Amino acid sequence: MSLLEKYFKIAEGAIESLGVNIKEARTEEPNKWYLHRGKADVVVFVRESKLHTDSTAFTLVMLAPICTLPENPAKAQELKDKLLSTNHLFISERFSIADGVVYLAATAFMEGLNESLAAKLLDSMSYYAQGFAAQFGFEYGDGDDAASDR
């Protein structure tokens, strides 16, 4: 078994530990999986990441879109402030913004990572993703019962 295959096995074991059918989570790309937890859609993938030393390392990346930035500048700034003040409370997760979408993400080095720890990371990240997707969707506009003052 190659190192990459070992890492794929760790990722799939972590996903399955959440009760997700791994066959449904797999994509056409062998290093990428999709899963759902509550209102959260989570993408999990194993990739080779470039380090500051110009070397590379395999990483486990988990990414969940949470909501779009509000069009109203004041509401958008309110949300950004909330994201920044919340970021320091996480262990491995972090909020980021790309192309007007707020994401919750987590990344871990695969070297030394076992299935149990990967499962804890994925469980924590997906737990927070579903909570924040529901909360921010309601407060800032992507929820079924979204607040009207965007």
C-alpha atoms as a PDB file:
ATOM      1  CA  MET A   1       0.000   0.000   0.000  1.00  0.00           C
ATOM      2  CA  SER A   2       1.429   3.374  -1.012  1.00  0.00           C
ATOM      3  CA  LEU A   3       1.597   6.287   1.413  1.00  0.00           C
ATOM      4  CA  LEU A   4      -1.162   8.080  -0.489  1.00  0.00           C
ATOM      5  CA  GLU A   5      -3.409   5.002  -0.356  1.00  0.00           C
ATOM      6  CA  LYS A   6      -2.784   4.823   3.398  1.00  0.00           C
ATOM      7  CA  TYR A   7      -3.881   8.455   3.738  1.00  0.00           C
ATOM      8  CA  PHE A   8      -7.013   7.825   1.649  1.00  0.00           C
ATOM      9  CA  LYS A   9      -7.857   4.909   3.946  1.00  0.00           C
ATOM     10  CA  ILE A  10      -7.490   7.146   7.012  1.00  0.00           C
ATOM     11  CA  ALA A  11      -9.780   9.781   5.464  1.00  0.00           C
ATOM     12  CA  GLU A  12     -12.401   7.222   4.482  1.00  0.00           C
ATOM     13  CA  GLY A  13     -12.310   5.601   7.918  1.00  0.00           C
ATOM     14  CA  ALA A  14     -12.854   8.994   9.558  1.00  0.00           C
ATOM     15  CA  ILE A  15     -15.798   9.721   7.264  1.00  0.00           C
ATOM     16  CA  GLU A  16     -17.355   6.306   7.896  1.00  0.00           C
ATOM     17  CA  SER A  17     -16.988   6.769  11.658  1.00  0.00           C
ATOM     18  CA  LEU A  18     -19.558   9.579  11.418  1.00  0.00           C
ATOM     19  CA  GLY A  19     -22.091   7.121  10.008  1.00  0.00           C
ATOM     20  CA  VAL A  20     -21.647   8.332   6.435  1.00  0.00           C
ATOM     21  CA  ASN A  21     -21.935   5.773   3.639  1.00  0.00           C
ATOM     22  CA  ILE A  22     -18.477   5.985   2.103  1.00  0.00           C
ATOM     23  CA  LYS A  23     -19.721   4.860  -1.302  1.00  0.00           C
ATOM     24  CA  GLU A  24     -22.086   7.851  -1.391  1.00  0.00           C
ATOM     25  CA  ALA A  25     -19.353  10.211  -0.163  1.00  0.00           C
ATOM     26  CA  ARG A  26     -16.787   9.254  -2.807  1.00  0.00           C
ATOM     27  CA  THR A  27     -16.344  11.416  -5.886  1.00  0.00           C
ATOM     28  CA  GLU A  28     -14.748  10.723  -9.242  1.00  0.00           C
ATOM     29  CA  GLU A  29     -11.526  12.096  -7.767  1.00  0.00           C
ATOM     30  CA  PRO A  30      -9.884   9.485  -5.519  1.00  0.00           C
ATOM     31  CA  ASN A  31      -8.722  12.136  -3.046  1.00  0.00           C
ATOM     32  CA  LYS A  32     -12.081  13.917  -2.537  1.00  0.00           C
ATOM     33  CA  TRP A  33     -15.274  13.122  -0.636  1.00  0.00           C
ATOM     34  CA  TYR A  34     -18.577  14.988  -0.069  1.00  0.00           C
ATOM     35  CA  LEU A  35     -20.747  14.546   2.984  1.00  0.00           C
ATOM     36  CA  HIS A  36     -23.654  16.276   4.672  1.00  0.00           C
ATOM     37  CA  ARG A  37     -24.241  16.968   8.323  1.00  0.00           C
ATOM     38  CA  GLY A  38     -27.445  18.816   9.093  1.00  0.00           C
ATOM     39  CA  LYS A  39     -27.419  22.007   7.033  1.00  0.00           C
ATOM     40  CA  ALA A  40     -23.701  21.690   6.354  1.00  0.00           C
ATOM     41  CA  ASP A  41     -22.132  20.361   3.169  1.00  0.00           C
ATOM     42  CA  VAL A  42     -18.559  19.277   3.816  1.00  0.00           C
ATOM     43  CA  VAL A  43     -15.827  18.578   1.289  1.00  0.00           C
ATOM     44  CA  VAL A  44     -12.939  16.439   2.507  1.00  0.00           C
ATOM     45  CA  PHE A  45      -9.798  15.914   0.503  1.00  0.00           C
ATOM     46  CA  VAL A  46      -6.218  14.790   0.829  1.00  0.00           C
ATOM     47  CA  ARG A  47      -3.755  16.958  -1.028  1.00  0.00           C
ATOM     48  CA  GLU A  48      -0.101  17.724  -1.291  1.00  0.00           C
ATOM     49  CA  SER A  49       0.438  21.165   0.225  1.00  0.00           C
ATOM     50  CA  LYS A  50       3.434  23.412  -0.290  1.00  0.00           C
ATOM     51  CA  LEU A  51       5.237  24.427   2.882  1.00  0.00           C
ATOM     52  CA  HIS A  52       7.135  27.626   3.604  1.00  0.00           C
ATOM     53  CA  THR A  53      10.386  25.695   3.131  1.00  0.00           C
ATOM     54  CA  ASP A  54       9.446  24.953  -0.513  1.00  0.00           C
ATOM     55  CA  SER A  55       8.967  21.309   0.426  1.00  0.00           C
ATOM     56  CA  THR A  56       5.568  19.611   0.415  1.00  0.00           C
ATOM     57  CA  ALA A  57       3.494  17.526   2.799  1.00  0.00           C
ATOM     58  CA  PHE A  58       0.227  15.664   2.475  1.00  0.00           C
ATOM     59  CA  THR A  59      -2.639  17.306   4.326  1.00  0.00           C
ATOM     60  CA  LEU A  60      -6.216  16.439   5.194  1.00  0.00           C
ATOM     61  CA  VAL A  61      -8.422  19.397   4.281  1.00  0.00           C
ATOM     62  CA  MET A  62     -12.042  19.828   5.353  1.00  0.00           C
ATOM     63  CA  LEU A  63     -14.090  22.688   3.949  1.00  0.00           C
ATOM     64  CA  ALA A  64     -17.725  23.687   4.434  1.00  0.00           C
ATOM     65  CA  PRO A  65     -19.503  26.676   2.881  1.00  0.00           C
ATOM     66  CA  ILE A  66     -21.420  28.410   5.672  1.00  0.00           C
ATOM     67  CA  CYS A  67     -23.177  31.360   4.025  1.00  0.00           C
ATOM     68  CA  THR A  68     -22.680  34.151   1.539  1.00  0.00           C
ATOM     69  CA  LEU A  69     -21.611  37.596   2.630  1.00  0.00           C
ATOM     70  CA  PRO A  70     -24.577  39.936   2.937  1.00  0.00           C
ATOM     71  CA  GLU A  71     -24.933  42.587   0.239  1.00  0.00           C
ATOM     72  CA  ASN A  72     -25.587  45.221   2.886  1.00  0.00           C
ATOM     73  CA  PRO A  73     -22.097  46.581   3.792  1.00  0.00           C
ATOM     74  CA  ALA A  74     -22.980  47.084   7.459  1.00  0.00           C
ATOM     75  CA  LYS A  75     -24.283  43.518   7.801  1.00  0.00           C
ATOM     76  CA  ALA A  76     -21.250  42.189   5.909  1.00  0.00           C
ATOM     77  CA  GLN A  77     -18.914  43.999   8.323  1.00  0.00           C
ATOM     78  CA  GLU A  78     -20.921  42.719  11.284  1.00  0.00           C
ATOM     79  CA  LEU A  79     -20.492  39.167  10.025  1.00  0.00           C
ATOM     80  CA  LYS A  80     -16.757  39.644   9.349  1.00  0.00           C
ATOM     81  CA  ASP A  81     -16.279  40.980  12.878  1.00  0.00           C
ATOM     82  CA  LYS A  82     -18.148  37.964  14.261  1.00  0.00           C
ATOM     83  CA  LEU A  83     -15.960  35.595  12.212  1.00  0.00           C
ATOM     84  CA  LEU A  84     -12.751  37.197  13.474  1.00  0.00           C
ATOM     85  CA  SER A  85     -13.867  37.189  17.095  1.00  0.00           C
ATOM     86  CA  THR A  86     -14.902  33.526  16.815  1.00  0.00           C
ATOM     87  CA  ASN A  87     -11.779  32.235  15.016  1.00  0.00           C
ATOM     88  CA  HIS A  88      -9.598  32.212  18.123  1.00  0.00           C
ATOM     89  CA  LEU A  89     -12.058  29.953  19.983  1.00  0.00           C
ATOM     90  CA  PHE A  90     -11.506  26.962  17.696  1.00  0.00           C
ATOM     91  CA  ILE A  91      -8.907  24.234  18.140  1.00  0.00           C
ATOM     92  CA  SER A  92      -8.249  23.409  14.485  1.00  0.00           C
ATOM     93  CA  GLU A  93     -11.039  25.111  12.538  1.00  0.00           C
ATOM     94  CA  ARG A  94     -11.029  28.598  11.068  1.00  0.00           C
ATOM     95  CA  PHE A  95     -13.323  30.826   9.076  1.00  0.00           C
ATOM     96  CA  SER A  96     -12.256  32.166   5.710  1.00  0.00           C
ATOM     97  CA  ILE A  97     -13.911  34.130   2.916  1.00  0.00           C
ATOM     98  CA  ALA A  98     -13.470  33.481  -0.804  1.00  0.00           C
ATOM     99  CA  ASP A  99     -15.540  34.876  -3.675  1.00  0.00           C
ATOM    100  CA  GLY A 100     -18.165  36.239  -1.296  1.00  0.00           C
ATOM    101  CA  VAL A 101     -18.678  32.898   0.474  1.00  0.00           C
ATOM    102  CA  VAL A 102     -17.872  32.259   4.141  1.00  0.00           C
ATOM    103  CA  TYR A 103     -16.240  28.868   4.759  1.00  0.00           C
ATOM    104  CA  LEU A 104     -15.354  26.913   7.839  1.00  0.00           C
ATOM    105  CA  ALA A 105     -12.169  24.968   7.189  1.00  0.00           C
ATOM    106  CA  ALA A 106      -9.720  22.720   8.979  1.00  0.00           C
ATOM    107  CA  THR A 107      -6.382  21.334   7.826  1.00  0.00           C
ATOM    108  CA  ALA A 108      -4.110  18.747   9.411  1.00  0.00           C
ATOM    109  CA  PHE A 109      -0.857  17.148   8.371  1.00  0.00           C
ATOM    110  CA  MET A 110      -1.391  13.520   7.342  1.00  0.00           C
ATOM    111  CA  GLU A 111       1.986  12.378   8.648  1.00  0.00           C
ATOM    112  CA  GLY A 112       1.321  10.854  12.057  1.00  0.00           C
ATOM    113  CA  LEU A 113      -2.440  11.310  11.738  1.00  0.00           C
ATOM    114  CA  ASN A 114      -4.449   8.210  12.529  1.00  0.00           C
ATOM    115  CA  GLU A 115      -8.073   7.410  11.758  1.00  0.00           C
ATOM    116  CA  SER A 116      -9.248   8.172  15.296  1.00  0.00           C
ATOM    117  CA  LEU A 117      -7.737  11.665  15.348  1.00  0.00           C
ATOM    118  CA  ALA A 118      -8.911  12.390  11.795  1.00  0.00           C
ATOM    119  CA  ALA A 119     -12.424  11.342  12.873  1.00  0.00           C
ATOM    120  CA  LYS A 120     -12.295  13.740  15.848  1.00  0.00           C
ATOM    121  CA  LEU A 121     -11.196  16.588  13.579  1.00  0.00           C
ATOM    122  CA  LEU A 122     -13.930  15.848  11.037  1.00  0.00           C
ATOM    123  CA  ASP A 123     -16.572  15.429  13.740  1.00  0.00           C
ATOM    124  CA  SER A 124     -15.638  18.739  15.369  1.00  0.00           C
ATOM    125  CA  MET A 125     -15.419  20.625  12.085  1.00  0.00           C
ATOM    126  CA  SER A 126     -18.704  19.260  10.727  1.00  0.00           C
ATOM    127  CA  TYR A 127     -20.448  19.866  14.080  1.00  0.00           C
ATOM    128  CA  TYR A 128     -19.459  23.537  14.036  1.00  0.00           C
ATOM    129  CA  ALA A 129     -20.229  23.817  10.323  1.00  0.00           C
ATOM    130  CA  GLN A 130     -23.808  22.669  10.767  1.00  0.00           C
ATOM    131  CA  GLY A 131     -24.329  25.003  13.721  1.00  0.00           C
ATOM    132  CA  PHE A 132     -22.861  28.050  12.042  1.00  0.00           C
ATOM    133  CA  ALA A 133     -24.581  27.292   8.712  1.00  0.00           C
ATOM    134  CA  ALA A 134     -27.923  27.339  10.508  1.00  0.00           C
ATOM    135  CA  GLN A 135     -27.104  30.377  12.664  1.00  0.00           C
ATOM    136  CA  PHE A 136     -25.458  32.567  10.040  1.00  0.00           C
ATOM    137  CA  GLY A 137     -27.884  31.464   7.356  1.00  0.00           C
ATOM    138  CA  PHE A 138     -30.706  32.726   9.539  1.00  0.00           C
ATOM    139  CA  GLU A 139     -28.929  35.904  10.649  1.00  0.00           C
ATOM    140  CA  TYR A 140     -27.337  36.858   7.330  1.00  0.00           C
ATOM    141  CA  GLY A 141     -29.409  35.377   4.578  1.00  0.00           C
ATOM    142  CA  ASP A 142     -28.912  31.791   3.420  1.00  0.00           C
ATOM    143  CA  GLY A 143     -31.359  30.101   5.764  1.00  0.00           C
ATOM    144  CA  ASP A 144     -34.945  29.091   5.156  1.00  0.00           C
ATOM    145  CA  ASP A 145     -36.021  31.572   7.838  1.00  0.00           C
ATOM    146  CA  ALA A 146     -33.416  34.198   6.996  1.00  0.00           C
ATOM    147  CA  ALA A 147     -33.583  37.622   8.528  1.00  0.00           C
ATOM    148  CA  SER A 148     -34.922  40.167   6.066  1.00  0.00           C
ATOM    149  CA  ASP A 149     -32.589  43.117   6.701  1.00  0.00           C
ATOM    150  CA  ARG A 150     -29.647  42.039   4.551  1.00  0.00           C
END
